């Protein structure tokens, strides 16, 4: 099974749109090398808590 996928292939496997995959790569710092993305690196960064915005209680 291939580990380096095109944005279209990765979108199909992750359930996202192609544009969302590219956008997330840019946002999370996942490199796109020669049109291919490391699937395990992308999925690890996508699921990491650091990739989601933190919700802090607002003190008034």
PDB file of N, CA and C in Angstrom:
ATOM      1  N   UNK A   1       0.834  -1.179   0.000  1.00  0.00           N
ATOM      2  CA  UNK A   1       0.000   0.000   0.000  1.00  0.00           C
ATOM      3  C   UNK A   1       0.882   1.247   0.000  1.00  0.00           C
ATOM      4  N   UNK A   2       0.556   2.195  -0.854  1.00  0.00           N
ATOM      5  CA  UNK A   2       1.345   3.408  -0.994  1.00  0.00           C
ATOM      6  C   UNK A   2       1.178   4.318   0.211  1.00  0.00           C
ATOM      7  N   UNK A   3       2.271   4.971   0.589  1.00  0.00           N
ATOM      8  CA  UNK A   3       2.236   5.891   1.709  1.00  0.00           C
ATOM      9  C   UNK A   3       2.269   7.344   1.245  1.00  0.00           C
ATOM     10  N   UNK A   4       2.738   7.584   0.032  1.00  0.00           N
ATOM     11  CA  UNK A   4       2.793   8.930  -0.515  1.00  0.00           C
ATOM     12  C   UNK A   4       1.721   9.050  -1.595  1.00  0.00           C
ATOM     13  N   UNK A   5       0.715   9.882  -1.317  1.00  0.00           N
ATOM     14  CA  UNK A   5      -0.449   9.973  -2.188  1.00  0.00           C
ATOM     15  C   UNK A   5      -0.610  11.374  -2.760  1.00  0.00           C
ATOM     16  N   UNK A   6      -1.311  11.460  -3.872  1.00  0.00           N
ATOM     17  CA  UNK A   6      -1.663  12.763  -4.426  1.00  0.00           C
ATOM     18  C   UNK A   6      -2.761  13.364  -3.552  1.00  0.00           C
ATOM     19  N   UNK A   7      -2.961  14.677  -3.627  1.00  0.00           N
ATOM     20  CA  UNK A   7      -4.035  15.286  -2.841  1.00  0.00           C
ATOM     21  C   UNK A   7      -5.410  14.668  -3.125  1.00  0.00           C
ATOM     22  N   UNK A   8      -5.660  14.280  -4.367  1.00  0.00           N
ATOM     23  CA  UNK A   8      -6.938  13.660  -4.721  1.00  0.00           C
ATOM     24  C   UNK A   8      -7.087  12.299  -4.056  1.00  0.00           C
ATOM     25  N   UNK A   9      -6.048  11.484  -4.090  1.00  0.00           N
ATOM     26  CA  UNK A   9      -6.085  10.168  -3.453  1.00  0.00           C
ATOM     27  C   UNK A   9      -6.226  10.285  -1.940  1.00  0.00           C
ATOM     28  N   UNK A  10      -5.496  11.233  -1.361  1.00  0.00           N
ATOM     29  CA  UNK A  10      -5.566  11.435   0.078  1.00  0.00           C
ATOM     30  C   UNK A  10      -6.935  11.964   0.496  1.00  0.00           C
ATOM     31  N   UNK A  11      -7.526  12.800  -0.317  1.00  0.00           N
ATOM     32  CA  UNK A  11      -8.874  13.310  -0.033  1.00  0.00           C
ATOM     33  C   UNK A  11      -9.875  12.162  -0.015  1.00  0.00           C
ATOM     34  N   UNK A  12      -9.748  11.262  -0.953  1.00  0.00           N
ATOM     35  CA  UNK A  12     -10.642  10.106  -1.036  1.00  0.00           C
ATOM     36  C   UNK A  12     -10.519   9.238   0.221  1.00  0.00           C
ATOM     37  N   UNK A  13      -9.291   9.051   0.707  1.00  0.00           N
ATOM     38  CA  UNK A  13      -9.069   8.191   1.868  1.00  0.00           C
ATOM     39  C   UNK A  13      -9.428   8.860   3.193  1.00  0.00           C
ATOM     40  N   UNK A  14      -9.291  10.175   3.262  1.00  0.00           N
ATOM     41  CA  UNK A  14      -9.531  10.871   4.532  1.00  0.00           C
ATOM     42  C   UNK A  14     -10.941  11.426   4.660  1.00  0.00           C
ATOM     43  N   UNK A  15     -11.692  11.423   3.568  1.00  0.00           N
ATOM     44  CA  UNK A  15     -13.061  11.927   3.620  1.00  0.00           C
ATOM     45  C   UNK A  15     -13.156  13.436   3.498  1.00  0.00           C
ATOM     46  N   UNK A  16     -12.085  14.079   3.068  1.00  0.00           N
ATOM     47  CA  UNK A  16     -12.073  15.522   2.875  1.00  0.00           C
ATOM     48  C   UNK A  16     -12.129  15.841   1.383  1.00  0.00           C
ATOM     49  N   UNK A  17     -12.326  17.094   1.074  1.00  0.00           N
ATOM     50  CA  UNK A  17     -12.235  17.555  -0.306  1.00  0.00           C
ATOM     51  C   UNK A  17     -10.763  17.794  -0.639  1.00  0.00           C
ATOM     52  N   UNK A  18     -10.428  17.763  -1.924  1.00  0.00           N
ATOM     53  CA  UNK A  18      -9.048  17.957  -2.367  1.00  0.00           C
ATOM     54  C   UNK A  18      -8.497  19.294  -1.876  1.00  0.00           C
ATOM     55  N   UNK A  19      -9.286  20.341  -2.007  1.00  0.00           N
ATOM     56  CA  UNK A  19      -8.848  21.674  -1.558  1.00  0.00           C
ATOM     57  C   UNK A  19      -8.603  21.708  -0.058  1.00  0.00           C
ATOM     58  N   UNK A  20      -9.421  20.985   0.703  1.00  0.00           N
ATOM     59  CA  UNK A  20      -9.243  20.930   2.147  1.00  0.00           C
ATOM     60  C   UNK A  20      -7.932  20.238   2.510  1.00  0.00           C
ATOM     61  N   UNK A  21      -7.583  19.198   1.770  1.00  0.00           N
ATOM     62  CA  UNK A  21      -6.332  18.477   2.019  1.00  0.00           C
ATOM     63  C   UNK A  21      -5.154  19.418   1.812  1.00  0.00           C
ATOM     64  N   UNK A  22      -5.149  20.145   0.713  1.00  0.00           N
ATOM     65  CA  UNK A  22      -4.056  21.071   0.423  1.00  0.00           C
ATOM     66  C   UNK A  22      -4.012  22.182   1.461  1.00  0.00           C
ATOM     67  N   UNK A  23      -5.176  22.692   1.827  1.00  0.00           N
ATOM     68  CA  UNK A  23      -5.263  23.745   2.832  1.00  0.00           C
ATOM     69  C   UNK A  23      -4.723  23.276   4.178  1.00  0.00           C
ATOM     70  N   UNK A  24      -5.098  22.062   4.583  1.00  0.00           N
ATOM     71  CA  UNK A  24      -4.617  21.504   5.847  1.00  0.00           C
ATOM     72  C   UNK A  24      -3.111  21.284   5.821  1.00  0.00           C
ATOM     73  N   UNK A  25      -2.584  20.857   4.683  1.00  0.00           N
ATOM     74  CA  UNK A  25      -1.133  20.687   4.563  1.00  0.00           C
ATOM     75  C   UNK A  25      -0.417  22.009   4.797  1.00  0.00           C
ATOM     76  N   UNK A  26      -0.939  23.072   4.203  1.00  0.00           N
ATOM     77  CA  UNK A  26      -0.337  24.393   4.374  1.00  0.00           C
ATOM     78  C   UNK A  26      -0.460  24.843   5.833  1.00  0.00           C
ATOM     79  N   UNK A  27      -1.615  24.627   6.416  1.00  0.00           N
ATOM     80  CA  UNK A  27      -1.884  25.050   7.790  1.00  0.00           C
ATOM     81  C   UNK A  27      -1.042  24.283   8.804  1.00  0.00           C
ATOM     82  N   UNK A  28      -0.896  22.980   8.607  1.00  0.00           N
ATOM     83  CA  UNK A  28      -0.204  22.125   9.563  1.00  0.00           C
ATOM     84  C   UNK A  28       1.280  21.956   9.265  1.00  0.00           C
ATOM     85  N   UNK A  29       1.734  22.459   8.137  1.00  0.00           N
ATOM     86  CA  UNK A  29       3.144  22.347   7.783  1.00  0.00           C
ATOM     87  C   UNK A  29       3.536  20.989   7.243  1.00  0.00           C
ATOM     88  N   UNK A  30       2.585  20.265   6.693  1.00  0.00           N
ATOM     89  CA  UNK A  30       2.880  18.968   6.093  1.00  0.00           C
ATOM     90  C   UNK A  30       3.381  19.213   4.671  1.00  0.00           C
ATOM     91  N   UNK A  31       4.585  18.769   4.342  1.00  0.00           N
ATOM     92  CA  UNK A  31       5.136  19.058   3.017  1.00  0.00           C
ATOM     93  C   UNK A  31       4.446  18.296   1.890  1.00  0.00           C
ATOM     94  N   UNK A  32       4.354  18.959   0.755  1.00  0.00           N
ATOM     95  CA  UNK A  32       3.883  18.326  -0.484  1.00  0.00           C
ATOM     96  C   UNK A  32       5.094  18.307  -1.398  1.00  0.00           C
ATOM     97  N   UNK A  33       5.627  17.123  -1.641  1.00  0.00           N
ATOM     98  CA  UNK A  33       6.849  16.981  -2.427  1.00  0.00           C
ATOM     99  C   UNK A  33       6.537  16.307  -3.750  1.00  0.00           C
ATOM    100  N   UNK A  34       6.803  17.006  -4.825  1.00  0.00           N
ATOM    101  CA  UNK A  34       6.534  16.534  -6.178  1.00  0.00           C
ATOM    102  C   UNK A  34       5.089  16.055  -6.330  1.00  0.00           C
ATOM    103  N   UNK A  35       4.169  16.805  -5.724  1.00  0.00           N
ATOM    104  CA  UNK A  35       2.754  16.501  -5.860  1.00  0.00           C
ATOM    105  C   UNK A  35       2.256  15.353  -5.007  1.00  0.00           C
ATOM    106  N   UNK A  36       3.073  14.881  -4.073  1.00  0.00           N
ATOM    107  CA  UNK A  36       2.698  13.761  -3.211  1.00  0.00           C
ATOM    108  C   UNK A  36       2.777  14.177  -1.746  1.00  0.00           C
ATOM    109  N   UNK A  37       1.909  13.589  -0.931  1.00  0.00           N
ATOM    110  CA  UNK A  37       1.831  13.885   0.490  1.00  0.00           C
ATOM    111  C   UNK A  37       2.000  12.588   1.261  1.00  0.00           C
ATOM    112  N   UNK A  38       2.803  12.627   2.310  1.00  0.00           N
ATOM    113  CA  UNK A  38       2.990  11.463   3.166  1.00  0.00           C
ATOM    114  C   UNK A  38       1.705  11.255   3.969  1.00  0.00           C
ATOM    115  N   UNK A  39       1.033  10.157   3.703  1.00  0.00           N
ATOM    116  CA  UNK A  39      -0.267   9.877   4.321  1.00  0.00           C
ATOM    117  C   UNK A  39      -0.179   9.790   5.835  1.00  0.00           C
ATOM    118  N   UNK A  40       0.797   9.062   6.356  1.00  0.00           N
ATOM    119  CA  UNK A  40       0.899   8.886   7.807  1.00  0.00           C
ATOM    120  C   UNK A  40       1.208  10.207   8.506  1.00  0.00           C
ATOM    121  N   UNK A  41       2.049  11.041   7.918  1.00  0.00           N
ATOM    122  CA  UNK A  41       2.360  12.342   8.482  1.00  0.00           C
ATOM    123  C   UNK A  41       1.131  13.245   8.469  1.00  0.00           C
ATOM    124  N   UNK A  42       0.388  13.231   7.375  1.00  0.00           N
ATOM    125  CA  UNK A  42      -0.825  14.042   7.257  1.00  0.00           C
ATOM    126  C   UNK A  42      -1.866  13.615   8.286  1.00  0.00           C
ATOM    127  N   UNK A  43      -2.119  12.316   8.379  1.00  0.00           N
ATOM    128  CA  UNK A  43      -3.133  11.819   9.303  1.00  0.00           C
ATOM    129  C   UNK A  43      -2.726  12.063  10.761  1.00  0.00           C
ATOM    130  N   UNK A  44      -1.442  11.926  11.064  1.00  0.00           N
ATOM    131  CA  UNK A  44      -0.976  12.172  12.429  1.00  0.00           C
ATOM    132  C   UNK A  44      -1.165  13.642  12.809  1.00  0.00           C
ATOM    133  N   UNK A  45      -0.858  14.542  11.898  1.00  0.00           N
ATOM    134  CA  UNK A  45      -1.027  15.965  12.173  1.00  0.00           C
ATOM    135  C   UNK A  45      -2.487  16.371  12.181  1.00  0.00           C
ATOM    136  N   UNK A  46      -3.282  15.729  11.367  1.00  0.00           N
ATOM    137  CA  UNK A  46      -4.705  16.045  11.300  1.00  0.00           C
ATOM    138  C   UNK A  46      -5.409  15.659  12.592  1.00  0.00           C
ATOM    139  N   UNK A  47      -5.000  14.553  13.188  1.00  0.00           N
ATOM    140  CA  UNK A  47      -5.648  14.066  14.401  1.00  0.00           C
ATOM    141  C   UNK A  47      -5.023  14.555  15.687  1.00  0.00           C
ATOM    142  N   UNK A  48      -3.911  15.282  15.609  1.00  0.00           N
ATOM    143  CA  UNK A  48      -3.250  15.722  16.833  1.00  0.00           C
ATOM    144  C   UNK A  48      -4.006  16.863  17.497  1.00  0.00           C
ATOM    145  N   UNK A  49      -3.989  16.910  18.822  1.00  0.00           N
ATOM    146  CA  UNK A  49      -4.693  17.975  19.543  1.00  0.00           C
ATOM    147  C   UNK A  49      -4.142  19.358  19.221  1.00  0.00           C
ATOM    148  N   UNK A  50      -2.889  19.460  18.839  1.00  0.00           N
ATOM    149  CA  UNK A  50      -2.299  20.760  18.520  1.00  0.00           C
ATOM    150  C   UNK A  50      -2.896  21.349  17.252  1.00  0.00           C
ATOM    151  N   UNK A  51      -3.498  20.503  16.406  1.00  0.00           N
ATOM    152  CA  UNK A  51      -4.064  21.007  15.162  1.00  0.00           C
ATOM    153  C   UNK A  51      -5.437  21.636  15.350  1.00  0.00           C
ATOM    154  N   UNK A  52      -6.086  21.356  16.481  1.00  0.00           N
ATOM    155  CA  UNK A  52      -7.393  21.948  16.725  1.00  0.00           C
ATOM    156  C   UNK A  52      -7.248  23.137  17.664  1.00  0.00           C
ATOM    157  N   UNK A  53      -8.018  24.180  17.441  1.00  0.00           N
ATOM    158  CA  UNK A  53      -7.903  25.360  18.290  1.00  0.00           C
ATOM    159  C   UNK A  53      -8.313  25.053  19.731  1.00  0.00           C
ATOM    160  N   UNK A  54      -7.585  25.623  20.659  1.00  0.00           N
ATOM    161  CA  UNK A  54      -7.876  25.417  22.070  1.00  0.00           C
ATOM    162  C   UNK A  54      -9.055  26.275  22.496  1.00  0.00           C
ATOM    163  N   UNK A  55      -9.889  25.724  23.321  1.00  0.00           N
ATOM    164  CA  UNK A  55     -11.026  26.457  23.865  1.00  0.00           C
ATOM    165  C   UNK A  55     -10.722  26.765  25.333  1.00  0.00           C
ATOM    166  N   UNK A  56     -10.527  28.015  25.642  1.00  0.00           N
ATOM    167  CA  UNK A  56     -10.277  28.431  26.996  1.00  0.00           C
ATOM    168  C   UNK A  56     -11.500  29.172  27.525  1.00  0.00           C
ATOM    169  N   UNK A  57     -11.828  28.980  28.799  1.00  0.00           N
ATOM    170  CA  UNK A  57     -12.956  29.716  29.367  1.00  0.00           C
ATOM    171  C   UNK A  57     -12.653  31.208  29.428  1.00  0.00           C
ATOM    172  N   UNK A  58     -13.640  32.006  29.162  1.00  0.00           N
ATOM    173  CA  UNK A  58     -13.483  33.455  29.183  1.00  0.00           C
ATOM    174  C   UNK A  58     -13.813  33.957  30.577  1.00  0.00           C
ATOM    175  N   UNK A  59     -12.893  34.697  31.143  1.00  0.00           N
ATOM    176  CA  UNK A  59     -13.127  35.272  32.486  1.00  0.00           C
ATOM    177  C   UNK A  59     -13.622  36.696  32.312  1.00  0.00           C
ATOM    178  N   UNK A  60     -14.681  37.000  33.028  1.00  0.00           N
ATOM    179  CA  UNK A  60     -15.257  38.343  32.934  1.00  0.00           C
ATOM    180  C   UNK A  60     -15.130  39.056  34.258  1.00  0.00           C
TER     181      UNK A  60
END
